[in-house]
Protein backbone atom coordinates (compact mmCIF):
# COMPACT_ATOMS: atom_id res chain seq x y z
CA UNK A 1 112.26 144.98 172.20
CA UNK A 2 114.34 142.32 170.81
CA UNK A 3 111.47 139.79 170.70
CA UNK A 4 109.25 142.26 169.04
CA UNK A 5 112.04 142.84 166.33
CA UNK A 6 112.52 139.24 165.97
CA UNK A 7 108.77 138.62 165.45
CA UNK A 8 108.39 141.39 163.01
CA UNK A 9 111.46 139.99 160.82
CA UNK A 10 109.77 136.58 160.98
CA UNK A 11 106.54 137.96 159.80
CA UNK A 12 108.46 139.65 156.79
CA UNK A 13 110.20 136.54 156.05
CA UNK A 14 107.06 134.40 156.00
CA UNK A 15 105.15 136.97 153.90
CA UNK A 16 107.96 136.98 151.58
CA UNK A 17 108.21 133.09 151.30
CA UNK A 18 104.28 132.87 150.80
CA UNK A 19 104.35 135.36 148.02
CA UNK A 20 107.26 133.54 146.36
CA UNK A 21 105.41 130.46 146.72
CA UNK A 22 102.20 131.73 145.13
CA UNK A 23 104.12 133.31 142.35
CA UNK A 24 105.86 130.00 141.59
CA UNK A 25 102.63 128.09 141.80
CA UNK A 26 100.89 130.37 139.10
CA UNK A 27 103.97 130.15 137.03
CA UNK A 28 103.94 126.18 136.90
CA UNK A 29 100.16 125.93 136.98
CA UNK A 30 100.10 125.13 133.19
CA UNK A 31 98.82 121.63 133.12
CA UNK A 32 95.61 120.46 134.87
CA UNK A 33 95.26 116.73 134.90
CA UNK A 34 92.33 114.83 136.42
CA UNK A 35 90.48 111.44 136.05
CA UNK A 36 87.54 112.48 133.65
CA UNK A 37 84.45 111.45 132.27
CA UNK A 38 83.20 111.10 128.94
CA UNK A 39 80.95 114.01 127.42
CA UNK A 40 77.41 112.97 127.81
CA UNK A 41 75.47 115.84 126.26
CA UNK A 42 75.70 116.48 122.18
CA UNK A 43 77.68 113.13 121.74
CA UNK A 44 77.67 110.33 119.44
CA UNK A 45 78.90 106.87 119.10
CA UNK A 46 81.01 105.71 116.07
CA UNK A 47 82.82 102.46 115.08
CA UNK A 48 86.57 102.42 114.14
CA UNK A 49 87.84 99.48 112.52
CA UNK A 50 90.50 96.97 113.94
CA UNK A 51 92.95 98.52 111.50
CA UNK A 52 93.03 101.71 113.57
CA UNK A 53 94.73 99.92 116.43
CA UNK A 54 97.90 99.67 114.37
CA UNK A 55 97.96 103.49 113.40
CA UNK A 56 98.63 106.79 115.26
CA UNK A 57 100.90 108.61 117.51
CA UNK A 58 100.71 106.47 120.56
CA UNK A 59 101.89 103.03 119.00
CA UNK A 60 103.62 101.11 121.62
CA UNK A 61 106.91 99.47 119.37
CA UNK A 62 109.40 97.53 121.27
CA UNK A 63 110.73 94.05 121.47
CA UNK A 64 107.37 92.67 122.34
CA UNK A 65 105.05 94.65 119.93
CA UNK A 66 106.05 94.94 116.27
CA UNK A 67 105.23 97.67 114.04
CA UNK A 68 102.42 96.85 111.48
CA UNK A 69 103.03 98.38 108.04
CA UNK A 70 100.23 100.62 108.23
CA UNK A 71 101.65 102.23 111.34
CA UNK A 72 104.23 103.94 109.42
CA UNK A 73 103.82 107.37 108.68
CA UNK A 74 102.78 108.50 105.03
CA UNK A 75 104.38 111.77 105.06
CA UNK A 76 108.14 110.65 105.22
CA UNK A 77 110.45 113.12 103.74
CA UNK A 78 113.98 113.44 103.32
CA UNK A 79 115.04 116.61 105.20
CA UNK A 80 117.95 117.66 103.07
CA UNK A 81 115.51 117.89 100.35
CA UNK A 82 113.32 120.21 102.37
CA UNK A 83 115.34 123.45 103.50
CA UNK A 84 111.96 125.18 104.36
CA UNK A 85 111.76 122.38 107.40
CA UNK A 86 115.49 122.48 108.26
CA UNK A 87 115.89 125.87 110.08
CA UNK A 88 117.91 126.41 113.14
CA UNK A 89 119.42 123.17 113.15
CA UNK A 90 121.82 120.82 111.32
CA UNK A 91 121.80 117.19 109.95
CA UNK A 92 124.52 114.69 111.02
CA UNK A 93 123.66 112.94 107.47
CA UNK A 94 122.05 114.34 104.44
CA UNK A 95 120.13 111.02 104.18
CA UNK A 96 118.23 111.49 107.33
CA UNK A 97 114.37 111.34 106.78
CA UNK A 98 111.46 112.07 109.11
CA UNK A 99 107.56 112.64 109.12
CA UNK A 100 106.94 115.87 107.69
CA UNK A 101 104.54 116.80 110.54
CA UNK A 102 106.77 115.82 113.15
CA UNK A 103 109.80 117.94 111.52
CA UNK A 104 107.41 120.82 111.47
CA UNK A 105 106.97 120.32 115.35
CA UNK A 106 110.54 119.91 115.93
CA UNK A 107 111.26 123.32 114.11
CA UNK A 108 108.82 124.87 116.47
CA UNK A 109 110.59 123.33 119.26
CA UNK A 110 113.91 124.69 118.07
CA UNK A 111 112.45 128.18 117.70
CA UNK A 112 111.23 127.98 121.48
CA UNK A 113 114.60 126.87 122.53
CA UNK A 114 116.43 129.65 120.47
CA UNK A 115 114.50 132.17 122.55
CA UNK A 116 116.08 130.68 125.56
CA UNK A 117 119.61 131.14 124.19
CA UNK A 118 119.68 127.33 123.42
CA UNK A 119 120.37 126.74 119.69
CA UNK A 120 123.17 124.14 118.64
CA UNK A 121 120.97 121.35 117.74
CA UNK A 122 121.20 118.64 115.09
CA UNK A 123 119.27 115.58 114.05
CA UNK A 124 121.47 112.54 114.08
CA UNK A 125 118.81 109.90 113.12
CA UNK A 126 115.36 109.89 112.21
CA UNK A 127 113.30 107.41 110.24
CA UNK A 128 114.49 104.13 109.14
CA UNK A 129 113.19 101.62 106.84
CA UNK A 130 113.02 97.92 107.60
CA UNK A 131 116.23 97.05 105.30
CA UNK A 132 118.13 99.87 107.11
CA UNK A 133 116.98 98.72 110.44
CA UNK A 134 117.79 95.26 109.87
CA UNK A 135 121.49 96.29 108.59
CA UNK A 136 121.97 98.15 111.72
CA UNK A 137 120.75 95.28 113.85
CA UNK A 138 123.16 92.88 112.18
CA UNK A 139 125.97 95.43 112.55
CA UNK A 140 125.34 96.48 116.19
CA UNK A 141 123.78 93.54 117.84
CA UNK A 142 120.92 93.11 120.39
CA UNK A 143 122.57 95.32 122.89
CA UNK A 144 122.54 98.38 120.84
CA UNK A 145 119.74 97.95 118.12
CA UNK A 146 116.58 96.14 117.50
CA UNK A 147 115.38 94.29 114.86
CA UNK A 148 113.36 95.41 111.90
CA UNK A 149 109.69 96.77 112.84
CA UNK A 150 110.68 96.57 116.49
CA UNK A 151 112.45 99.88 116.46
CA UNK A 152 110.68 103.25 116.88
CA UNK A 153 112.87 104.60 114.36
CA UNK A 154 110.56 102.53 111.94
CA UNK A 155 107.57 104.87 112.71
CA UNK A 156 109.11 107.97 111.58
CA UNK A 157 107.76 109.96 114.62
CA UNK A 158 111.10 109.43 116.57
CA UNK A 159 114.30 111.05 116.31
CA UNK A 160 117.77 111.20 117.79
CA UNK A 161 118.84 114.70 118.87
CA UNK A 162 122.20 115.81 119.33
CA UNK A 163 124.32 118.87 120.24
CA UNK A 164 127.19 120.47 118.01
CA UNK A 165 128.61 121.65 121.65
CA UNK A 166 128.66 118.47 123.95
CA UNK A 167 127.26 115.22 124.44
CA UNK A 168 123.38 115.35 124.99
CA UNK A 169 123.46 114.47 128.68
CA UNK A 170 125.78 117.59 129.39
CA UNK A 171 124.81 119.99 126.69
CA UNK A 172 122.42 122.74 127.15
CA UNK A 173 120.29 121.36 124.38
CA UNK A 174 119.74 118.16 126.16
CA UNK A 175 118.90 120.05 129.44
CA UNK A 176 116.53 122.20 127.64
CA UNK A 177 114.79 119.26 126.01
CA UNK A 178 114.28 117.38 129.31
CA UNK A 179 112.37 120.64 130.73
CA UNK A 180 110.54 121.79 127.62
CA UNK A 181 109.84 119.15 124.93
CA UNK A 182 106.76 118.02 126.61
CA UNK A 183 105.20 121.47 125.53
CA UNK A 184 105.82 120.67 121.84
CA UNK A 185 104.26 117.25 121.81
CA UNK A 186 107.55 115.29 122.48
CA UNK A 187 108.70 113.04 125.13
CA UNK A 188 112.29 111.59 126.39
CA UNK A 189 111.31 108.01 125.37
CA UNK A 190 114.07 106.00 127.22
CA UNK A 191 114.64 108.05 130.41
CA UNK A 192 117.22 107.21 133.37
CA UNK A 193 115.73 104.98 136.10
CA UNK A 194 112.91 103.39 133.77
CA UNK A 195 114.99 100.78 132.08
CA UNK A 196 113.29 97.86 133.66
CA UNK A 197 109.96 99.38 132.18
CA UNK A 198 111.21 100.39 128.62
CA UNK A 199 113.51 97.47 128.13
CA UNK A 200 115.94 100.05 126.78
CA UNK A 201 119.20 101.55 128.36
CA UNK A 202 118.84 105.48 129.18
CA UNK A 203 119.18 107.35 126.01
CA UNK A 204 119.42 111.22 126.53
CA UNK A 205 119.15 111.59 122.61
CA UNK A 206 115.99 110.00 121.85
CA UNK A 207 112.88 111.81 121.58
CA UNK A 208 109.28 110.64 120.44
CA UNK A 209 106.43 112.63 119.10
CA UNK A 210 103.14 111.70 121.09
CA UNK A 211 100.95 114.77 120.97
CA UNK A 212 100.57 117.70 123.36
CA UNK A 213 98.00 116.32 125.52
CA UNK A 214 99.78 113.02 125.90
CA UNK A 215 103.11 114.37 126.33
CA UNK A 216 101.95 116.83 129.13
CA UNK A 217 100.55 114.13 131.32
CA UNK A 218 103.54 111.94 130.80
CA UNK A 219 105.81 114.87 131.66
CA UNK A 220 103.76 115.82 134.76
CA UNK A 221 103.24 112.43 136.20
CA UNK A 222 106.75 111.12 135.15
CA UNK A 223 105.35 108.27 132.97
CA UNK A 224 107.02 106.31 130.15
CA UNK A 225 104.60 105.38 127.17
CA UNK A 226 104.27 101.89 128.68
CA UNK A 227 103.12 103.42 131.95
CA UNK A 228 100.88 105.89 130.29
CA UNK A 229 98.94 103.46 128.31
CA UNK A 230 98.44 101.08 131.11
CA UNK A 231 97.06 104.19 133.23
CA UNK A 232 94.67 104.93 130.59
CA UNK A 233 93.44 101.43 130.60
CA UNK A 234 92.93 101.60 134.50
CA UNK A 235 91.25 105.14 134.43
CA UNK A 236 89.28 104.84 131.11
CA UNK A 237 89.17 108.61 130.71
CA UNK A 238 91.30 111.69 131.66
CA UNK A 239 90.74 115.27 131.41
CA UNK A 240 93.67 117.81 130.73
CA UNK A 241 94.02 121.46 130.32
CA UNK A 242 97.43 122.33 128.76
CA UNK A 243 98.57 125.37 127.25
CA UNK A 244 95.10 126.94 127.37
CA UNK A 245 93.46 123.93 125.44
CA UNK A 246 91.38 121.29 127.33
CA UNK A 247 91.12 117.72 126.28
CA UNK A 248 89.52 114.56 127.11
CA UNK A 249 91.57 111.47 126.51
CA UNK A 250 89.83 107.95 126.69
CA UNK A 251 90.94 104.41 125.97
CA UNK A 252 88.61 101.93 124.36
CA UNK A 253 89.26 98.25 123.75
CA UNK A 254 89.28 96.49 120.53
CA UNK A 255 86.55 94.12 120.53
CA UNK A 256 86.22 91.78 117.48
CA UNK A 257 86.79 93.67 114.21
CA UNK A 258 86.16 97.35 115.75
CA UNK A 259 85.51 99.42 118.84
CA UNK A 260 82.84 101.58 119.28
CA UNK A 261 83.85 105.19 120.67
CA UNK A 262 82.26 108.00 121.89
CA UNK A 263 82.91 111.75 120.55
CA UNK A 264 81.50 114.90 120.61
CA UNK A 265 79.37 116.54 117.77
CA UNK A 266 81.00 119.06 115.83
CA UNK A 267 84.32 119.04 118.02
CA UNK A 268 87.66 117.80 116.50
CA UNK A 269 89.20 114.34 117.85
CA UNK A 270 91.95 112.16 116.94
CA UNK A 271 92.22 108.30 117.15
CA UNK A 272 95.38 106.35 117.87
CA UNK A 273 95.83 102.90 118.43
CA UNK A 274 98.18 101.31 120.97
CA UNK A 275 99.27 98.64 118.91
CA UNK A 276 98.11 95.91 121.02
CA UNK A 277 94.74 95.82 122.42
CA UNK A 278 92.81 99.07 122.01
CA UNK A 279 92.64 102.82 120.74
CA UNK A 280 92.96 105.95 122.55
CA UNK A 281 90.66 108.92 121.43
CA UNK A 282 91.68 112.57 122.24
CA UNK A 283 88.92 115.04 121.99
CA UNK A 284 89.34 118.67 121.93
CA UNK A 285 86.87 120.92 124.09
């Protein structure tokens, strides 16, 4: 009798565990990533110029690769002059600037966090021009700053995010961003444990916009931007479904004065350089 009761309880527990596992898997199955192939039907070949290698959301800017002037976002705005953009968060300094489109995406992210009860965000730094970056480098030194055109802040795509309640590594805002920023196209650019790859110490406040397809892959596979760009070169193409949208991401080397890329007729696509040897094409299915 005792054995029968024990077996019955075991079956119930196992059934419960399996049902919980299925529910959890269904809830987390938001992103599907696989090595992909380029579309062969209804596609065409186009050529992009070498200049494109130095423009876009995926530029690698660090000690080794300097930002080219054409890579600076053309839609830089002063956030204090745009109250329509500064909704639900504060500015540490009224002089803070950022790409307008990135500010809009950041605003959507802040709204998403608010739904989860997290709402004490502020921006402490955004876009810096070469003069401001050079002054910071002279004041802070190499251990805490990078020379002009070697900092991501010169792009207009990166921002330092703070909390009005605590340090970002301890604040609910920092914890929420680590879990959800990728859903809005942002990545934690300098994560803990990746210092030997990024060359930068852990910065829980520094986030970078890269686009939703790329942030999803980087988050799910625990890749820094450096690792992601290297992986794209190896795999050539990847397919991803995130947030109900399917993408194909492909790398093309820059040969001579241009690169020939393949896109689908009538489908939207984006091209970004990596800032050193090629371009990445993101195609929307």
